[in-house]
Each structure stands twice: as C-alpha cells, then as structure tokens.
Amino acid sequence: MKKILFALLAISITFYSCDDDDNDDQGNLTLDLSGLENLGDGYMYEGWIVVDGSPVSTGTFSVDDDGELSATSFAIDGAMLDAATTFVLSIEPSPDSDPAPSATKILGGDFSGNTASATIMHAAAFGTGFGSVTGGYILATPTTTIDTDEASGVWFLDNSTGSPAIGLNDLPDLSDQAGWTYEGWAVIDGTPVSTGTFDMAAGFDDNATTTAFKGDDGDGPAFPGEDFIQNAPSGMTFPTDLKGATIVISIEPVPDNSSAPFTLKPLAGEVPAALADHAFQTMDNIASSTYPSGTISR
C-alpha cells in the first residue's frame, strides 16, 4: 500500500514511538467505535494522534464480523497524549514496515478537552460526507449489437434527455485522494459482482477495456458500468436479468482484498421488476447509515 503523509503535515516529519519504557507517566487512549468492518487477512486498523504536527502511532487492532474491536484501550506516553490535537484512524498492511500512516484514512477527530468525535468528514479522513450524492443507472448492453440482452448490463448514466449524461451527481472526485476509489456492484441472487472501479462520475471505469464480462462489440460509453455477457463467475449464468438485483455504489480502500462492497456505500437500490430498458432509475442515498464513527477518550 503506497504510503503518504498527512496532507496537513509538513514534508519533513519526525515520527515518535509510544513505547517508551523509561517513561512511567503513561496515559490511556480509549476507542469507542462502531461501523468498522472486518478487513480480513493482510490488513489492520491503526490509530494515530497528532502531536506538534506529527503523527504518533497509538497501536493496531482488528475488527471481527460482529464489528467488535480486538483492542479498545492503548497505553500512550502521558505527555504526548496530553499534547495531542487530533486522532486519525487508518487502514494499514499487516505486517507493516513503514512507520508512516498510509493514504487510506477512514476516521478523524479533533480533541476538545479529553474527547474527540471521530467521523469520515474530518479533514484528515475524507474531508467530506456523501449525504448529498444522488444518482442512478440504466439497464443496457452497449458492448453487444443485439437488443435482446439489455437487462444484462448496468450503466451509471442518465439518458433521459436523449443524450448520455452523468448519472451519479454530486459524487466527490477521488482522483486526487489517494487511498480510496469508488466501485459499482450488482448483487445478483445474493452474490456481489463488480462493475469496475472509478474515481469520478464521468469517464470510463478502470476496467472498461479489460473486463472479461463485456461483449465483443466495443467498450461501452465513457461512464462507469458493466455488461454481464460472458465468462460468468462460478454458479452464475451470463447473460442474466438484473431485474430484482441490488445495484450499489461503494467507496473502497486501495488496495482492496475483498470481493464484496466495503462498508461505505453512498448509493444502493433494487432494480424494479418493471424497469424498461434504457430508462433511468434512481438509487437511494444510504450514506449516513454506513458511516463508521465513534468517540476517542484520553
């Protein structure tokens, strides 16, 4: 995982260790967090406090399938903990030989007295929420030349005016935010299948020319989406009928070791049984119900 320093920090940073056996003045940092997901093998969450403009690791932990943290209390040098201005939570590879925080920061919060409210909206994390995002999709298969399989493709565009336009409105551009990307999904009979990853609502997604699912007659329009025409995953049959499937837009960590949507999901919705081919269908904004959050105490 590519490492970068906090955007708000200077390039020249001194990293401190919280394991100071010669200092008996130990403080205690307590995490009360909810909404985090199990990262699986190879990744851990790591907490950081910002002291004099520099990140100090507070320790790592994992989260189980029930959302329970493997550790919630961490012994920290008391003077450093008292001087901390901000808490940040990142996703890190495990094992991790780099002492700096990764680019994938999911929560942040400034201390007010002895507590900090951690949210994704903090400047050290995403710096914004996704509650204003709106959007939808059409069912179409532009990578084939036949018109009998249109319900086997989903494209995040709006053609209600007669010309293709952005279908995902007010979606923040992630192209300059290392550590995160968007991913589209069709959950077919309970199994999520990716439509591809992308950083902005306009333009081809990252696998537009390489996806094994699309047809053989082009790459489709310059919008995120996918045709499920061939090379179906085990247990599935393509072409398929997406009516009744659930369409999801998620925000994914980079790199990503999961074949399912990450916990952050701005938009989702079931495809109506009566949805006509090429008709624009809106999705529900479920962003706030998927945000992790919590309180940090010292």
C-alpha atoms as a PDB file:
ATOM      1  CA  MET A   1       0.000   0.000   0.000  1.00  0.00           C
ATOM      2  CA  LYS A   2       1.518   3.272  -1.061  1.00  0.00           C
ATOM      3  CA  LYS A   3       2.268   5.478   1.947  1.00  0.00           C
ATOM      4  CA  ILE A   4       1.771   9.229   2.064  1.00  0.00           C
ATOM      5  CA  LEU A   5       1.951  11.664   4.939  1.00  0.00           C
ATOM      6  CA  PHE A   6      -0.984  13.632   6.255  1.00  0.00           C
ATOM      7  CA  ALA A   7      -1.812  16.402   3.804  1.00  0.00           C
ATOM      8  CA  LEU A   8      -1.900  18.893   6.647  1.00  0.00           C
ATOM      9  CA  LEU A   9       1.604  17.994   7.816  1.00  0.00           C
ATOM     10  CA  ALA A  10       4.926  19.287   6.560  1.00  0.00           C
ATOM     11  CA  ILE A  11       7.058  17.054   4.369  1.00  0.00           C
ATOM     12  CA  SER A  12       9.758  16.807   6.991  1.00  0.00           C
ATOM     13  CA  ILE A  13       8.219  14.865   9.869  1.00  0.00           C
ATOM     14  CA  THR A  14       9.660  13.216  12.919  1.00  0.00           C
ATOM     15  CA  PHE A  15       7.899  10.007  13.951  1.00  0.00           C
ATOM     16  CA  TYR A  16       7.701   9.202  17.608  1.00  0.00           C
ATOM     17  CA  SER A  17       7.211   5.897  19.340  1.00  0.00           C
ATOM     18  CA  CYS A  18       4.675   5.454  22.084  1.00  0.00           C
ATOM     19  CA  ASP A  19       6.660   2.550  23.560  1.00  0.00           C
ATOM     20  CA  ASP A  20       8.892   4.430  25.995  1.00  0.00           C
ATOM     21  CA  ASP A  21       9.789   2.068  28.801  1.00  0.00           C
ATOM     22  CA  ASP A  22      11.746   4.821  30.559  1.00  0.00           C
ATOM     23  CA  ASN A  23       8.665   6.979  30.994  1.00  0.00           C
ATOM     24  CA  ASP A  24       6.368   5.915  33.797  1.00  0.00           C
ATOM     25  CA  ASP A  25       3.886   8.695  33.046  1.00  0.00           C
ATOM     26  CA  GLN A  26       1.551   6.603  30.916  1.00  0.00           C
ATOM     27  CA  GLY A  27      -1.819   7.787  29.728  1.00  0.00           C
ATOM     28  CA  ASN A  28      -4.630   5.712  28.320  1.00  0.00           C
ATOM     29  CA  LEU A  29      -6.395   6.154  24.992  1.00  0.00           C
ATOM     30  CA  THR A  30      -9.828   4.515  24.720  1.00  0.00           C
ATOM     31  CA  LEU A  31     -11.669   3.876  21.455  1.00  0.00           C
ATOM     32  CA  ASP A  32     -15.448   3.563  21.312  1.00  0.00           C
ATOM     33  CA  LEU A  33     -16.004   2.959  17.601  1.00  0.00           C
ATOM     34  CA  SER A  34     -18.833   1.403  15.612  1.00  0.00           C
ATOM     35  CA  GLY A  35     -19.461   0.648  11.961  1.00  0.00           C
ATOM     36  CA  LEU A  36     -15.991  -0.664  11.136  1.00  0.00           C
ATOM     37  CA  GLU A  37     -15.783  -3.888   9.157  1.00  0.00           C
ATOM     38  CA  ASN A  38     -13.554  -6.938   9.254  1.00  0.00           C
ATOM     39  CA  LEU A  39     -10.611  -6.221   6.939  1.00  0.00           C
ATOM     40  CA  GLY A  40      -9.668  -9.871   6.526  1.00  0.00           C
ATOM     41  CA  ASP A  41      -6.138 -11.152   6.227  1.00  0.00           C
ATOM     42  CA  GLY A  42      -3.301  -8.797   5.460  1.00  0.00           C
ATOM     43  CA  TYR A  43      -4.718  -5.534   6.849  1.00  0.00           C
ATOM     44  CA  MET A  44      -5.229  -3.892  10.232  1.00  0.00           C
ATOM     45  CA  TYR A  45      -6.605  -0.642  11.572  1.00  0.00           C
ATOM     46  CA  GLU A  46      -4.066   1.703  13.139  1.00  0.00           C
ATOM     47  CA  GLY A  47      -4.750   4.707  15.332  1.00  0.00           C
ATOM     48  CA  TRP A  48      -2.668   7.880  15.314  1.00  0.00           C
ATOM     49  CA  ILE A  49      -2.510  11.005  17.436  1.00  0.00           C
ATOM     50  CA  VAL A  50      -1.111  14.230  16.014  1.00  0.00           C
ATOM     51  CA  VAL A  51       1.446  15.787  18.370  1.00  0.00           C
ATOM     52  CA  ASP A  52       3.153  19.043  17.382  1.00  0.00           C
ATOM     53  CA  GLY A  53       2.071  18.403  13.807  1.00  0.00           C
ATOM     54  CA  SER A  54       3.489  14.872  13.643  1.00  0.00           C
ATOM     55  CA  PRO A  55       1.590  11.533  13.626  1.00  0.00           C
ATOM     56  CA  VAL A  56       2.265   9.176  16.525  1.00  0.00           C
ATOM     57  CA  SER A  57       1.016   5.606  16.314  1.00  0.00           C
ATOM     58  CA  THR A  58      -1.292   4.541  19.124  1.00  0.00           C
ATOM     59  CA  GLY A  59      -1.358   0.881  18.072  1.00  0.00           C
ATOM     60  CA  THR A  60      -3.169  -1.509  15.759  1.00  0.00           C
ATOM     61  CA  PHE A  61      -6.312  -3.601  16.072  1.00  0.00           C
ATOM     62  CA  SER A  62      -8.596  -5.793  14.012  1.00  0.00           C
ATOM     63  CA  VAL A  63     -12.391  -5.961  13.840  1.00  0.00           C
ATOM     64  CA  ASP A  64     -14.404  -9.188  13.747  1.00  0.00           C
ATOM     65  CA  ASP A  65     -17.522  -9.961  11.733  1.00  0.00           C
ATOM     66  CA  ASP A  66     -19.693  -8.584  14.561  1.00  0.00           C
ATOM     67  CA  GLY A  67     -17.882  -5.235  14.482  1.00  0.00           C
ATOM     68  CA  GLU A  68     -16.055  -5.863  17.775  1.00  0.00           C
ATOM     69  CA  LEU A  69     -12.572  -4.355  18.106  1.00  0.00           C
ATOM     70  CA  SER A  70      -9.742  -6.673  19.164  1.00  0.00           C
ATOM     71  CA  ALA A  71      -8.445  -3.876  21.424  1.00  0.00           C
ATOM     72  CA  THR A  72     -10.088  -0.685  22.637  1.00  0.00           C
ATOM     73  CA  SER A  73      -7.566   0.641  25.163  1.00  0.00           C
ATOM     74  CA  PHE A  74      -3.980   1.682  24.453  1.00  0.00           C
ATOM     75  CA  ALA A  75      -1.228   2.844  26.816  1.00  0.00           C
ATOM     76  CA  ILE A  76       0.316   6.061  25.494  1.00  0.00           C
ATOM     77  CA  ASP A  77       3.043   8.334  26.840  1.00  0.00           C
ATOM     78  CA  GLY A  78       1.135  10.743  29.028  1.00  0.00           C
ATOM     79  CA  ALA A  79       2.837  13.919  27.874  1.00  0.00           C
ATOM     80  CA  MET A  80       2.283  13.049  24.224  1.00  0.00           C
ATOM     81  CA  LEU A  81      -1.332  12.138  24.827  1.00  0.00           C
ATOM     82  CA  ASP A  82      -1.971  15.414  26.641  1.00  0.00           C
ATOM     83  CA  ALA A  83      -0.379  17.341  23.772  1.00  0.00           C
ATOM     84  CA  ALA A  84      -2.338  15.547  21.047  1.00  0.00           C
ATOM     85  CA  THR A  85      -4.645  17.731  18.975  1.00  0.00           C
ATOM     86  CA  THR A  86      -6.183  15.147  16.624  1.00  0.00           C
ATOM     87  CA  PHE A  87      -6.934  11.430  16.346  1.00  0.00           C
ATOM     88  CA  VAL A  88      -6.842   9.659  12.975  1.00  0.00           C
ATOM     89  CA  LEU A  89      -7.654   6.051  12.037  1.00  0.00           C
ATOM     90  CA  SER A  90      -6.004   4.476   9.008  1.00  0.00           C
ATOM     91  CA  ILE A  91      -6.026   1.106   7.259  1.00  0.00           C
ATOM     92  CA  GLU A  92      -2.568  -0.466   7.098  1.00  0.00           C
ATOM     93  CA  PRO A  93      -0.997  -3.592   5.629  1.00  0.00           C
ATOM     94  CA  SER A  94      -0.108  -6.284   8.137  1.00  0.00           C
ATOM     95  CA  PRO A  95       2.766  -6.758   8.640  1.00  0.00           C
ATOM     96  CA  ASP A  96       3.779  -3.159   8.004  1.00  0.00           C
ATOM     97  CA  SER A  97       7.407  -1.999   7.971  1.00  0.00           C
ATOM     98  CA  ASP A  98       6.614   1.650   7.201  1.00  0.00           C
ATOM     99  CA  PRO A  99       6.295   3.879  10.294  1.00  0.00           C
ATOM    100  CA  ALA A 100       4.218   6.471   8.440  1.00  0.00           C
ATOM    101  CA  PRO A 101       0.421   6.359   8.156  1.00  0.00           C
ATOM    102  CA  SER A 102      -0.983   5.066   4.878  1.00  0.00           C
ATOM    103  CA  ALA A 103      -3.058   7.115   2.473  1.00  0.00           C
ATOM    104  CA  THR A 104      -6.190   5.207   3.490  1.00  0.00           C
ATOM    105  CA  LYS A 105      -7.521   7.220   6.406  1.00  0.00           C
ATOM    106  CA  ILE A 106     -11.104   6.445   7.352  1.00  0.00           C
ATOM    107  CA  LEU A 107     -11.797   8.499  10.506  1.00  0.00           C
ATOM    108  CA  GLY A 108     -10.515  11.657  12.141  1.00  0.00           C
ATOM    109  CA  GLY A 109     -11.434  13.924  15.001  1.00  0.00           C
ATOM    110  CA  ASP A 110     -10.013  16.900  16.902  1.00  0.00           C
ATOM    111  CA  PHE A 111      -9.701  16.706  20.672  1.00  0.00           C
ATOM    112  CA  SER A 112     -11.901  19.001  22.678  1.00  0.00           C
ATOM    113  CA  GLY A 113     -10.823  18.558  26.255  1.00  0.00           C
ATOM    114  CA  ASN A 114     -10.316  14.840  26.736  1.00  0.00           C
ATOM    115  CA  THR A 115     -12.520  13.526  23.933  1.00  0.00           C
ATOM    116  CA  ALA A 116     -12.610  13.572  20.137  1.00  0.00           C
ATOM    117  CA  SER A 117     -15.564  12.701  17.920  1.00  0.00           C
ATOM    118  CA  ALA A 118     -14.247  10.614  15.022  1.00  0.00           C
ATOM    119  CA  THR A 119     -16.019  10.931  11.660  1.00  0.00           C
ATOM    120  CA  ILE A 120     -15.260  10.353   7.978  1.00  0.00           C
ATOM    121  CA  MET A 121     -15.885  14.064   7.365  1.00  0.00           C
ATOM    122  CA  HIS A 122     -12.767  15.195   9.226  1.00  0.00           C
ATOM    123  CA  ALA A 123     -10.090  16.844   7.066  1.00  0.00           C
ATOM    124  CA  ALA A 124      -7.596  14.097   7.882  1.00  0.00           C
ATOM    125  CA  ALA A 125     -10.011  11.453   6.529  1.00  0.00           C
ATOM    126  CA  PHE A 126     -12.314  12.168   3.566  1.00  0.00           C
ATOM    127  CA  GLY A 127     -12.911  15.797   4.436  1.00  0.00           C
ATOM    128  CA  THR A 128     -16.500  15.491   3.239  1.00  0.00           C
ATOM    129  CA  GLY A 129     -19.631  13.419   3.583  1.00  0.00           C
ATOM    130  CA  PHE A 130     -21.686  11.728   0.893  1.00  0.00           C
ATOM    131  CA  GLY A 131     -25.189  12.607   2.077  1.00  0.00           C
ATOM    132  CA  SER A 132     -25.882  14.928  -0.870  1.00  0.00           C
ATOM    133  CA  VAL A 133     -24.990  12.362  -3.524  1.00  0.00           C
ATOM    134  CA  THR A 134     -27.820  11.430  -5.885  1.00  0.00           C
ATOM    135  CA  GLY A 135     -27.834   9.239  -8.920  1.00  0.00           C
ATOM    136  CA  GLY A 136     -28.948   6.203 -10.770  1.00  0.00           C
ATOM    137  CA  TYR A 137     -28.408   3.959 -13.760  1.00  0.00           C
ATOM    138  CA  ILE A 138     -29.910   2.447 -16.884  1.00  0.00           C
ATOM    139  CA  LEU A 139     -30.129  -1.160 -17.989  1.00  0.00           C
ATOM    140  CA  ALA A 140     -28.386  -1.542 -21.345  1.00  0.00           C
ATOM    141  CA  THR A 141     -25.721  -3.648 -23.055  1.00  0.00           C
ATOM    142  CA  PRO A 142     -23.772  -1.296 -25.325  1.00  0.00           C
ATOM    143  CA  THR A 143     -20.942  -3.819 -25.804  1.00  0.00           C
ATOM    144  CA  THR A 144     -23.195  -6.113 -27.876  1.00  0.00           C
ATOM    145  CA  THR A 145     -25.047  -5.462 -31.115  1.00  0.00           C
ATOM    146  CA  ILE A 146     -28.215  -7.359 -30.218  1.00  0.00           C
ATOM    147  CA  ASP A 147     -31.143  -5.854 -28.316  1.00  0.00           C
ATOM    148  CA  THR A 148     -32.484  -8.937 -26.531  1.00  0.00           C
ATOM    149  CA  ASP A 149     -29.979  -8.838 -23.635  1.00  0.00           C
ATOM    150  CA  GLU A 150     -30.410  -5.214 -22.466  1.00  0.00           C
ATOM    151  CA  ALA A 151     -31.342  -6.252 -18.899  1.00  0.00           C
ATOM    152  CA  SER A 152     -27.893  -7.858 -18.531  1.00  0.00           C
ATOM    153  CA  GLY A 153     -25.959  -4.578 -18.271  1.00  0.00           C
ATOM    154  CA  VAL A 154     -25.961  -1.633 -15.868  1.00  0.00           C
ATOM    155  CA  TRP A 155     -24.516   1.797 -16.654  1.00  0.00           C
ATOM    156  CA  PHE A 156     -24.316   4.758 -14.304  1.00  0.00           C
ATOM    157  CA  LEU A 157     -25.519   7.369 -16.763  1.00  0.00           C
ATOM    158  CA  ASP A 158     -28.674   9.388 -17.360  1.00  0.00           C
ATOM    159  CA  ASN A 159     -30.053   9.428 -20.915  1.00  0.00           C
ATOM    160  CA  SER A 160     -33.449  10.888 -20.054  1.00  0.00           C
ATOM    161  CA  THR A 161     -32.718  13.982 -22.166  1.00  0.00           C
ATOM    162  CA  GLY A 162     -31.781  11.874 -25.174  1.00  0.00           C
ATOM    163  CA  SER A 163     -28.017  12.248 -24.708  1.00  0.00           C
ATOM    164  CA  PRO A 164     -25.883  10.347 -22.179  1.00  0.00           C
ATOM    165  CA  ALA A 165     -25.081  12.451 -19.098  1.00  0.00           C
ATOM    166  CA  ILE A 166     -23.586  11.875 -15.670  1.00  0.00           C
ATOM    167  CA  GLY A 167     -25.782   9.520 -13.676  1.00  0.00           C
ATOM    168  CA  LEU A 168     -24.034   9.949 -10.324  1.00  0.00           C
ATOM    169  CA  ASN A 169     -24.489  13.543  -9.216  1.00  0.00           C
ATOM    170  CA  ASP A 170     -22.505  15.394  -6.524  1.00  0.00           C
ATOM    171  CA  LEU A 171     -20.171  12.420  -6.178  1.00  0.00           C
ATOM    172  CA  PRO A 172     -16.881  13.857  -4.834  1.00  0.00           C
ATOM    173  CA  ASP A 173     -13.921  13.404  -7.163  1.00  0.00           C
ATOM    174  CA  LEU A 174     -11.499  10.914  -5.592  1.00  0.00           C
ATOM    175  CA  SER A 175      -8.814  11.189  -8.281  1.00  0.00           C
ATOM    176  CA  ASP A 176      -6.678  13.397  -6.017  1.00  0.00           C
ATOM    177  CA  GLN A 177      -7.454  11.469  -2.824  1.00  0.00           C
ATOM    178  CA  ALA A 178      -5.022   8.586  -2.589  1.00  0.00           C
ATOM    179  CA  GLY A 179      -6.146   5.508  -0.725  1.00  0.00           C
ATOM    180  CA  TRP A 180      -9.783   5.363  -1.897  1.00  0.00           C
ATOM    181  CA  THR A 181     -11.809   4.671  -5.030  1.00  0.00           C
ATOM    182  CA  TYR A 182     -15.434   4.057  -5.996  1.00  0.00           C
ATOM    183  CA  GLU A 183     -16.741   0.680  -7.124  1.00  0.00           C
ATOM    184  CA  GLY A 184     -20.027  -0.286  -8.699  1.00  0.00           C
ATOM    185  CA  TRP A 185     -21.767  -3.570  -7.913  1.00  0.00           C
ATOM    186  CA  ALA A 186     -24.659  -5.718  -9.000  1.00  0.00           C
ATOM    187  CA  VAL A 187     -25.712  -8.041  -6.209  1.00  0.00           C
ATOM    188  CA  ILE A 188     -27.199 -10.951  -8.171  1.00  0.00           C
ATOM    189  CA  ASP A 189     -29.066 -13.589  -6.149  1.00  0.00           C
ATOM    190  CA  GLY A 190     -27.096 -12.511  -3.080  1.00  0.00           C
ATOM    191  CA  THR A 191     -23.671 -12.541  -4.750  1.00  0.00           C
ATOM    192  CA  PRO A 192     -21.933  -9.205  -5.411  1.00  0.00           C
ATOM    193  CA  VAL A 193     -20.315  -8.822  -8.833  1.00  0.00           C
ATOM    194  CA  SER A 194     -18.185  -5.748  -9.522  1.00  0.00           C
ATOM    195  CA  THR A 195     -18.939  -3.402 -12.401  1.00  0.00           C
ATOM    196  CA  GLY A 196     -15.484  -1.831 -12.024  1.00  0.00           C
ATOM    197  CA  THR A 197     -13.701   0.873 -10.050  1.00  0.00           C
ATOM    198  CA  PHE A 198     -13.592   4.586 -10.830  1.00  0.00           C
ATOM    199  CA  ASP A 199     -12.609   7.916  -9.263  1.00  0.00           C
ATOM    200  CA  MET A 200     -15.198  10.220 -10.819  1.00  0.00           C
ATOM    201  CA  ALA A 201     -18.715  10.025 -12.223  1.00  0.00           C
ATOM    202  CA  ALA A 202     -17.701  10.805 -15.824  1.00  0.00           C
ATOM    203  CA  GLY A 203     -15.255   8.782 -17.869  1.00  0.00           C
ATOM    204  CA  PHE A 204     -14.517   5.099 -18.337  1.00  0.00           C
ATOM    205  CA  ASP A 205     -14.059   2.992 -15.247  1.00  0.00           C
ATOM    206  CA  ASP A 206     -10.703   1.304 -14.675  1.00  0.00           C
ATOM    207  CA  ASN A 207     -11.530  -1.999 -16.369  1.00  0.00           C
ATOM    208  CA  ALA A 208     -13.505  -0.692 -19.349  1.00  0.00           C
ATOM    209  CA  THR A 209     -11.187  -2.285 -21.904  1.00  0.00           C
ATOM    210  CA  THR A 210     -10.120  -5.352 -19.932  1.00  0.00           C
ATOM    211  CA  THR A 211     -13.233  -6.714 -18.210  1.00  0.00           C
ATOM    212  CA  ALA A 212     -13.959 -10.334 -19.097  1.00  0.00           C
ATOM    213  CA  PHE A 213     -17.712  -9.834 -18.682  1.00  0.00           C
ATOM    214  CA  LYS A 214     -18.424  -7.380 -21.504  1.00  0.00           C
ATOM    215  CA  GLY A 215     -19.459  -8.227 -25.027  1.00  0.00           C
ATOM    216  CA  ASP A 216     -17.147  -8.299 -28.027  1.00  0.00           C
ATOM    217  CA  ASP A 217     -18.504  -5.219 -29.806  1.00  0.00           C
ATOM    218  CA  GLY A 218     -16.798  -2.323 -28.033  1.00  0.00           C
ATOM    219  CA  ASP A 219     -16.028  -0.963 -24.571  1.00  0.00           C
ATOM    220  CA  GLY A 220     -19.266   0.883 -23.902  1.00  0.00           C
ATOM    221  CA  PRO A 221     -19.808   4.594 -23.214  1.00  0.00           C
ATOM    222  CA  ALA A 222     -17.444   6.819 -21.223  1.00  0.00           C
ATOM    223  CA  PHE A 223     -19.254   6.255 -17.941  1.00  0.00           C
ATOM    224  CA  PRO A 224     -18.875   3.649 -15.191  1.00  0.00           C
ATOM    225  CA  GLY A 225     -20.798   0.453 -15.834  1.00  0.00           C
ATOM    226  CA  GLU A 226     -20.663  -3.141 -16.992  1.00  0.00           C
ATOM    227  CA  ASP A 227     -22.262  -5.599 -19.365  1.00  0.00           C
ATOM    228  CA  PHE A 228     -22.601  -9.105 -17.923  1.00  0.00           C
ATOM    229  CA  ILE A 229     -22.469 -11.026 -21.205  1.00  0.00           C
ATOM    230  CA  GLN A 230     -19.880 -13.802 -20.868  1.00  0.00           C
ATOM    231  CA  ASN A 231     -17.371 -15.502 -18.541  1.00  0.00           C
ATOM    232  CA  ALA A 232     -19.795 -15.600 -15.599  1.00  0.00           C
ATOM    233  CA  PRO A 233     -18.402 -16.402 -12.150  1.00  0.00           C
ATOM    234  CA  SER A 234     -18.936 -19.934 -10.888  1.00  0.00           C
ATOM    235  CA  GLY A 235     -22.594 -20.582 -10.093  1.00  0.00           C
ATOM    236  CA  MET A 236     -23.886 -17.792 -12.346  1.00  0.00           C
ATOM    237  CA  THR A 237     -25.043 -17.616 -15.945  1.00  0.00           C
ATOM    238  CA  PHE A 238     -24.424 -14.674 -18.296  1.00  0.00           C
ATOM    239  CA  PRO A 239     -26.251 -13.025 -19.953  1.00  0.00           C
ATOM    240  CA  THR A 240     -28.537 -12.519 -16.970  1.00  0.00           C
ATOM    241  CA  ASP A 241     -31.534 -10.398 -15.993  1.00  0.00           C
ATOM    242  CA  LEU A 242     -30.663  -7.720 -13.443  1.00  0.00           C
ATOM    243  CA  LYS A 243     -34.274  -7.019 -12.507  1.00  0.00           C
ATOM    244  CA  GLY A 244     -34.546  -7.826  -8.809  1.00  0.00           C
ATOM    245  CA  ALA A 245     -30.795  -7.429  -8.286  1.00  0.00           C
ATOM    246  CA  THR A 246     -29.428  -4.722  -5.989  1.00  0.00           C
ATOM    247  CA  ILE A 247     -27.196  -2.064  -7.526  1.00  0.00           C
ATOM    248  CA  VAL A 248     -24.622  -0.491  -5.186  1.00  0.00           C
ATOM    249  CA  ILE A 249     -22.001   2.238  -5.285  1.00  0.00           C
ATOM    250  CA  SER A 250     -19.341   1.708  -2.604  1.00  0.00           C
ATOM    251  CA  ILE A 251     -16.181   3.519  -1.529  1.00  0.00           C
ATOM    252  CA  GLU A 252     -13.288   1.073  -1.439  1.00  0.00           C
ATOM    253  CA  PRO A 253      -9.850   1.174   0.183  1.00  0.00           C
ATOM    254  CA  VAL A 254      -6.854   0.940  -2.147  1.00  0.00           C
ATOM    255  CA  PRO A 255      -5.506  -1.686  -2.288  1.00  0.00           C
ATOM    256  CA  ASP A 256      -8.541  -3.878  -1.640  1.00  0.00           C
ATOM    257  CA  ASN A 257      -8.523  -7.573  -0.731  1.00  0.00           C
ATOM    258  CA  SER A 258     -12.300  -8.139  -0.666  1.00  0.00           C
ATOM    259  CA  SER A 259     -14.697  -9.343  -3.362  1.00  0.00           C
ATOM    260  CA  ALA A 260     -17.631  -7.649  -1.603  1.00  0.00           C
ATOM    261  CA  PRO A 261     -18.595  -3.976  -1.175  1.00  0.00           C
ATOM    262  CA  PHE A 262     -16.797  -2.109   1.616  1.00  0.00           C
ATOM    263  CA  THR A 263     -18.816  -0.682   4.489  1.00  0.00           C
ATOM    264  CA  LEU A 264     -19.048   2.823   2.939  1.00  0.00           C
ATOM    265  CA  LYS A 265     -21.938   2.856   0.464  1.00  0.00           C
ATOM    266  CA  PRO A 266     -23.333   6.194  -0.752  1.00  0.00           C
ATOM    267  CA  LEU A 267     -25.995   4.714  -3.048  1.00  0.00           C
ATOM    268  CA  ALA A 268     -27.951   1.470  -3.365  1.00  0.00           C
ATOM    269  CA  GLY A 269     -31.274   0.248  -4.677  1.00  0.00           C
ATOM    270  CA  GLU A 270     -33.107  -2.767  -6.034  1.00  0.00           C
ATOM    271  CA  VAL A 271     -33.772  -2.908  -9.750  1.00  0.00           C
ATOM    272  CA  PRO A 272     -37.573  -2.747 -10.244  1.00  0.00           C
ATOM    273  CA  ALA A 273     -39.143  -5.727 -11.964  1.00  0.00           C
ATOM    274  CA  ALA A 274     -40.920  -3.408 -14.390  1.00  0.00           C
ATOM    275  CA  LEU A 275     -37.918  -1.233 -15.269  1.00  0.00           C
ATOM    276  CA  ALA A 276     -37.805  -0.651 -19.016  1.00  0.00           C
ATOM    277  CA  ASP A 277     -34.592  -0.971 -20.995  1.00  0.00           C
ATOM    278  CA  HIS A 278     -32.650   2.328 -21.124  1.00  0.00           C
ATOM    279  CA  ALA A 279     -34.978   4.005 -18.582  1.00  0.00           C
ATOM    280  CA  PHE A 280     -33.165   5.999 -15.885  1.00  0.00           C
ATOM    281  CA  GLN A 281     -33.668   4.517 -12.412  1.00  0.00           C
ATOM    282  CA  THR A 282     -32.703   6.483  -9.304  1.00  0.00           C
ATOM    283  CA  MET A 283     -30.956   4.928  -6.313  1.00  0.00           C
ATOM    284  CA  ASP A 284     -31.398   5.566  -2.595  1.00  0.00           C
ATOM    285  CA  ASN A 285     -28.802   7.539  -0.661  1.00  0.00           C
ATOM    286  CA  ILE A 286     -27.882   5.298   2.286  1.00  0.00           C
ATOM    287  CA  ALA A 287     -24.561   7.004   3.053  1.00  0.00           C
ATOM    288  CA  SER A 288     -25.208   8.094   6.628  1.00  0.00           C
ATOM    289  CA  SER A 289     -26.331   4.606   7.666  1.00  0.00           C
ATOM    290  CA  THR A 290     -22.981   3.166   6.522  1.00  0.00           C
ATOM    291  CA  TYR A 291     -20.624   5.683   8.169  1.00  0.00           C
ATOM    292  CA  PRO A 292     -18.339   4.364  10.885  1.00  0.00           C
ATOM    293  CA  SER A 293     -17.966   6.775  13.785  1.00  0.00           C
ATOM    294  CA  GLY A 294     -17.145   6.958  17.459  1.00  0.00           C
ATOM    295  CA  THR A 295     -15.594   8.692  20.423  1.00  0.00           C
ATOM    296  CA  ILE A 296     -11.951   8.771  21.424  1.00  0.00           C
ATOM    297  CA  SER A 297     -11.159   9.400  25.101  1.00  0.00           C
ATOM    298  CA  ARG A 298      -7.887  10.196  26.854  1.00  0.00           C
END
